[in-house]
Amino acid sequence: MVHTRIARLGLVATLALAGCVTGGDGSSDLRATVAESSTSTLPTTTTSTVPPTTTSTTTTTTTIPAPRELTIEVEPVAASLEVTDATGSAYVGPAPFTGPVAGAVELVVKAPGFETETIVLGAEETSVTPWLDKSGQVLDKLLEFDTGPAPKQVAFRPGHDELWVTLLAGRGFEVYDPASGRQTAAVDLPKAGSVEVIFNRTGTRAYISQMETASVYEIDAETKEVLRQISTGGVWTKVMVLSPDEQTLWASNWVSNDV
């Protein structure tokens, strides 16, 4: 009884297996299925690696000078101001102005009928008084430059692009290019500074007075060399005039009241 049941079970198992293998055309279908399964391409997984981004921050520290009080008075008085300091703070309004500012200051001054003036003030300046030029006038400021101490007189050398400047508190005189303001010569005179300067017609000779020594110096205008020192015999020699024939030099003495 036991053996028969086992045989039947074995037969069922065999038939089931045969059905799976033979099953009509099933064997071909199975082989095809297995073949397809064995050659199937697995899905591809792409992995992207993104490097971490590092952001570098640079911190710049700007030091603004301590505030100071600035006073601005303008001629003409009916002018308007634009005042901007180093912090970017600005004042826009009528003149005059008195108030706190920091660092360098840019000042724009405007008035109807006048030329607009733009001025840059240093970080230490505490007052300024701009004078506006009228629009359309013949004279207008083209150049500004520094000289030695206490410039007393300026004179153009005839026939040459030279501007001579006498120095009352200096040691002589200086020569500049009038177009650029560039210094081209600086000459020391004995003992003291200089007061007035005049030239002959051709600009080959210059005559410079010196109050402290009551003297007039004759200068070779080309080489800037002192040719001679002429004593006037007075006290504090100042203004001079060269005669039309250039043979006589007249010199006035301030303190002794003579010529």
Protein backbone atom coordinates (compact mmCIF):
# COMPACT_ATOMS: atom_id res chain seq x y z
CA MET A 1 0.00 0.00 0.00
CA VAL A 2 2.76 2.34 0.86
CA HIS A 3 4.78 1.50 -2.22
CA THR A 4 1.81 2.10 -4.54
CA ARG A 5 1.22 5.59 -3.08
CA ILE A 6 4.85 6.51 -3.54
CA ALA A 7 4.78 5.28 -7.11
CA ARG A 8 1.76 7.40 -7.87
CA LEU A 9 3.39 10.42 -6.32
CA GLY A 10 6.47 9.80 -8.38
CA LEU A 11 4.35 9.52 -11.52
CA VAL A 12 2.56 12.79 -10.79
CA ALA A 13 5.85 14.52 -10.18
CA THR A 14 7.25 13.08 -13.39
CA LEU A 15 4.20 14.13 -15.43
CA ALA A 16 4.29 17.60 -13.95
CA LEU A 17 7.93 17.95 -14.82
CA ALA A 18 7.33 16.52 -18.29
CA GLY A 19 4.49 19.00 -18.80
CA CYS A 20 6.82 21.83 -17.97
CA VAL A 21 9.55 20.54 -20.23
CA THR A 22 7.59 19.16 -23.19
CA GLY A 23 4.07 20.65 -22.92
CA GLY A 24 3.65 20.76 -26.69
CA ASP A 25 5.92 23.54 -27.91
CA GLY A 26 6.57 24.57 -24.33
CA SER A 27 10.15 23.34 -24.41
CA SER A 28 11.05 25.93 -27.07
CA ASP A 29 9.22 28.64 -25.18
CA LEU A 30 11.03 27.90 -21.99
CA ARG A 31 14.41 27.76 -23.64
CA ALA A 32 13.66 31.08 -25.29
CA THR A 33 12.58 32.53 -22.01
CA VAL A 34 15.65 31.28 -20.25
CA ALA A 35 17.87 32.52 -23.06
CA GLU A 36 16.28 35.93 -22.99
CA SER A 37 16.63 36.08 -19.25
CA SER A 38 20.26 35.03 -19.33
CA THR A 39 21.21 37.69 -21.92
CA SER A 40 19.20 40.55 -20.44
CA THR A 41 21.24 43.65 -19.65
CA LEU A 42 21.02 44.83 -16.12
CA PRO A 43 20.03 48.46 -15.75
CA THR A 44 23.05 50.76 -15.48
CA THR A 45 23.36 52.98 -12.47
CA THR A 46 25.43 56.12 -12.97
CA THR A 47 26.93 57.69 -9.90
CA SER A 48 28.04 61.32 -10.12
CA THR A 49 30.46 62.67 -7.56
CA VAL A 50 30.24 66.43 -7.03
CA PRO A 51 33.21 67.88 -5.21
CA PRO A 52 32.28 70.07 -2.28
CA THR A 53 32.33 73.79 -2.99
CA THR A 54 34.42 75.94 -0.71
CA THR A 55 33.58 79.65 -0.52
CA SER A 56 36.36 81.94 0.61
CA THR A 57 35.31 85.28 2.09
CA THR A 58 37.77 88.17 2.29
CA THR A 59 37.01 90.83 4.84
CA THR A 60 38.34 94.34 4.17
CA THR A 61 38.47 96.79 7.03
CA THR A 62 38.36 100.49 6.18
CA THR A 63 39.37 102.95 8.86
CA ILE A 64 37.50 106.24 8.72
CA PRO A 65 39.16 109.19 10.49
CA ALA A 66 37.42 110.67 13.49
CA PRO A 67 34.79 113.31 12.66
CA ARG A 68 35.80 116.97 12.66
CA GLU A 69 33.81 120.16 12.21
CA LEU A 70 34.03 121.76 8.78
CA THR A 71 32.95 125.33 8.00
CA ILE A 72 32.20 126.40 4.42
CA GLU A 73 31.46 130.01 3.46
CA VAL A 74 30.92 130.96 -0.17
CA GLU A 75 31.05 134.08 -2.33
CA PRO A 76 28.45 134.79 -3.59
CA VAL A 77 26.46 133.89 -0.51
CA ALA A 78 23.44 132.69 -2.54
CA ALA A 79 25.17 129.44 -3.51
CA SER A 80 24.20 125.81 -3.05
CA LEU A 81 26.51 123.11 -1.73
CA GLU A 82 27.01 119.39 -2.22
CA VAL A 83 29.30 118.05 0.52
CA THR A 84 30.35 114.38 0.50
CA ASP A 85 32.82 112.93 3.03
CA ALA A 86 34.71 109.63 3.29
CA THR A 87 31.74 107.81 4.83
CA GLY A 88 29.52 108.64 1.88
CA SER A 89 27.42 110.96 3.98
CA ALA A 90 26.34 114.05 2.08
CA TYR A 91 24.89 117.48 2.68
CA VAL A 92 22.95 119.11 -0.13
CA GLY A 93 21.60 122.56 0.58
CA PRO A 94 22.30 126.27 0.75
CA ALA A 95 25.55 127.84 1.90
CA PRO A 96 27.02 128.44 4.42
CA PHE A 97 27.64 125.05 6.04
CA THR A 98 29.02 124.04 9.42
CA GLY A 99 28.86 120.43 10.51
CA PRO A 100 30.75 117.20 11.23
CA VAL A 101 32.58 115.40 8.42
CA ALA A 102 35.06 112.51 8.31
CA GLY A 103 38.12 112.09 6.10
CA ALA A 104 38.58 113.74 2.72
CA VAL A 105 35.68 115.83 1.46
CA GLU A 106 34.47 116.60 -2.05
CA LEU A 107 32.72 119.95 -2.30
CA VAL A 108 30.64 121.11 -5.27
CA VAL A 109 29.58 124.78 -5.22
CA LYS A 110 26.90 126.13 -7.58
CA ALA A 111 25.16 129.46 -8.08
CA PRO A 112 23.04 130.87 -10.91
CA GLY A 113 25.17 132.93 -13.30
CA PHE A 114 28.45 131.54 -11.93
CA GLU A 115 30.82 128.74 -12.92
CA THR A 116 30.45 125.53 -10.88
CA GLU A 117 33.46 124.84 -8.67
CA THR A 118 34.55 121.37 -7.48
CA ILE A 119 37.02 121.27 -4.59
CA VAL A 120 38.64 118.30 -2.82
CA LEU A 121 39.59 118.98 0.81
CA GLY A 122 42.16 117.00 2.76
CA ALA A 123 41.31 115.01 5.87
CA GLU A 124 42.68 117.74 8.16
CA GLU A 125 41.09 120.86 6.64
CA THR A 126 38.47 122.56 8.81
CA SER A 127 37.44 125.62 6.79
CA VAL A 128 37.25 126.83 3.20
CA THR A 129 35.85 129.89 1.41
CA PRO A 130 35.35 129.31 -2.32
CA TRP A 131 34.92 132.32 -4.61
CA LEU A 132 32.92 131.53 -7.74
CA ASP A 133 33.75 133.10 -11.11
CA LYS A 134 30.97 134.61 -13.18
CA SER A 135 30.02 132.69 -16.31
CA GLY A 136 31.44 133.99 -19.58
CA GLN A 137 34.05 136.29 -18.09
CA VAL A 138 37.39 136.80 -19.78
CA LEU A 139 39.48 135.42 -16.92
CA ASP A 140 39.15 131.88 -15.64
CA LYS A 141 41.44 129.80 -13.42
CA LEU A 142 43.33 127.27 -15.53
CA LEU A 143 46.14 126.17 -13.21
CA GLU A 144 47.20 126.20 -9.58
CA PHE A 145 50.56 125.07 -8.21
CA ASP A 146 52.69 125.38 -5.07
CA THR A 147 55.81 127.56 -4.79
CA GLY A 148 58.41 128.34 -2.17
CA PRO A 149 57.56 130.40 0.93
CA ALA A 150 55.80 133.78 0.53
CA PRO A 151 55.74 134.29 -3.25
CA LYS A 152 55.93 138.08 -3.73
CA GLN A 153 55.76 138.67 -7.48
CA VAL A 154 55.29 136.66 -10.66
CA ALA A 155 56.51 137.82 -14.08
CA PHE A 156 56.69 136.26 -17.53
CA ARG A 157 60.11 136.29 -19.14
CA PRO A 158 59.69 138.07 -22.51
CA GLY A 159 59.86 135.76 -25.51
CA HIS A 160 60.10 132.60 -23.41
CA ASP A 161 57.76 130.10 -21.75
CA GLU A 162 59.01 130.91 -18.25
CA LEU A 163 57.25 132.29 -15.20
CA TRP A 164 59.59 133.77 -12.59
CA VAL A 165 58.47 133.87 -8.94
CA THR A 166 60.27 135.90 -6.26
CA LEU A 167 60.21 134.51 -2.71
CA LEU A 168 59.93 137.08 0.06
CA ALA A 169 60.49 134.52 2.83
CA GLY A 170 62.69 132.20 0.80
CA ARG A 171 66.29 132.29 -0.33
CA GLY A 172 65.93 133.60 -3.87
CA PHE A 173 63.58 132.94 -6.78
CA GLU A 174 62.03 130.08 -8.73
CA VAL A 175 61.17 129.54 -12.40
CA TYR A 176 58.16 127.54 -13.65
CA ASP A 177 56.66 126.29 -16.88
CA PRO A 178 53.44 128.35 -17.05
CA ALA A 179 51.56 125.67 -19.00
CA SER A 180 52.08 122.84 -16.51
CA GLY A 181 53.25 124.50 -13.28
CA ARG A 182 56.41 122.36 -13.34
CA GLN A 183 59.41 123.97 -11.65
CA THR A 184 62.36 124.36 -14.04
CA ALA A 185 64.81 126.28 -11.85
CA ALA A 186 65.37 127.35 -8.24
CA VAL A 187 68.12 129.89 -7.51
CA ASP A 188 69.41 130.96 -4.10
CA LEU A 189 70.50 134.56 -3.65
CA PRO A 190 73.06 135.60 -1.02
CA LYS A 191 71.75 136.38 2.47
CA ALA A 192 67.99 136.64 1.89
CA GLY A 193 64.99 136.32 -0.39
CA SER A 194 63.73 138.50 -3.22
CA VAL A 195 61.01 141.08 -3.75
CA GLU A 196 60.48 142.30 -7.32
CA VAL A 197 61.70 141.11 -10.73
CA ILE A 198 61.81 142.92 -14.09
CA PHE A 199 63.36 142.04 -17.48
CA ASN A 200 64.89 143.85 -20.41
CA ARG A 201 62.94 143.76 -23.69
CA THR A 202 64.55 140.63 -25.11
CA GLY A 203 64.36 138.70 -21.86
CA THR A 204 68.11 138.10 -21.68
CA ARG A 205 68.58 140.02 -18.41
CA ALA A 206 66.57 139.97 -15.18
CA TYR A 207 66.82 142.42 -12.27
CA ILE A 208 65.72 141.27 -8.81
CA SER A 209 65.52 143.48 -5.71
CA GLN A 210 66.37 142.37 -2.18
CA MET A 211 65.10 144.48 0.74
CA GLU A 212 67.32 143.16 3.54
CA THR A 213 70.57 144.03 1.75
CA ALA A 214 69.24 147.09 -0.16
CA SER A 215 70.52 145.47 -3.32
CA VAL A 216 69.57 144.68 -6.91
CA TYR A 217 70.85 141.49 -8.53
CA GLU A 218 71.49 141.36 -12.26
CA ILE A 219 70.74 137.84 -13.53
CA ASP A 220 71.62 136.11 -16.80
CA ALA A 221 68.10 134.99 -17.63
CA GLU A 222 69.27 132.11 -19.80
CA THR A 223 71.74 130.48 -17.37
CA LYS A 224 70.09 131.88 -14.19
CA GLU A 225 73.53 132.95 -12.93
CA VAL A 226 74.05 136.10 -10.82
CA LEU A 227 76.16 138.52 -12.86
CA ARG A 228 76.52 141.23 -10.21
CA GLN A 229 75.06 142.63 -6.99
CA ILE A 230 74.33 146.37 -7.10
CA SER A 231 74.04 148.29 -3.80
CA THR A 232 71.42 151.06 -3.91
CA GLY A 233 72.65 152.96 -0.85
CA GLY A 234 69.10 153.09 0.54
CA VAL A 235 67.09 150.99 2.99
CA TRP A 236 64.80 148.15 1.89
CA THR A 237 65.07 148.37 -1.87
CA LYS A 238 61.85 147.32 -3.53
CA VAL A 239 60.27 148.50 -6.84
CA MET A 240 62.48 148.98 -9.96
CA VAL A 241 62.07 150.50 -13.43
CA LEU A 242 64.40 150.09 -16.40
CA SER A 243 64.74 153.15 -18.62
CA PRO A 244 63.46 152.88 -22.23
CA ASP A 245 67.03 152.76 -23.59
CA GLU A 246 67.87 150.14 -20.92
CA GLN A 247 70.87 152.16 -19.78
CA THR A 248 69.51 153.27 -16.40
CA LEU A 249 67.90 151.23 -13.63
CA TRP A 250 65.74 153.14 -11.17
CA ALA A 251 65.24 151.57 -7.72
CA SER A 252 62.96 152.83 -4.94
CA ASN A 253 63.79 152.29 -1.29
CA TRP A 254 60.82 151.64 0.97
CA VAL A 255 62.18 152.67 4.39
CA SER A 256 64.63 155.41 3.39
CA ASN A 257 62.01 156.99 1.08
CA ASP A 258 64.40 157.67 -1.77
CA VAL A 259 65.25 156.47 -5.29
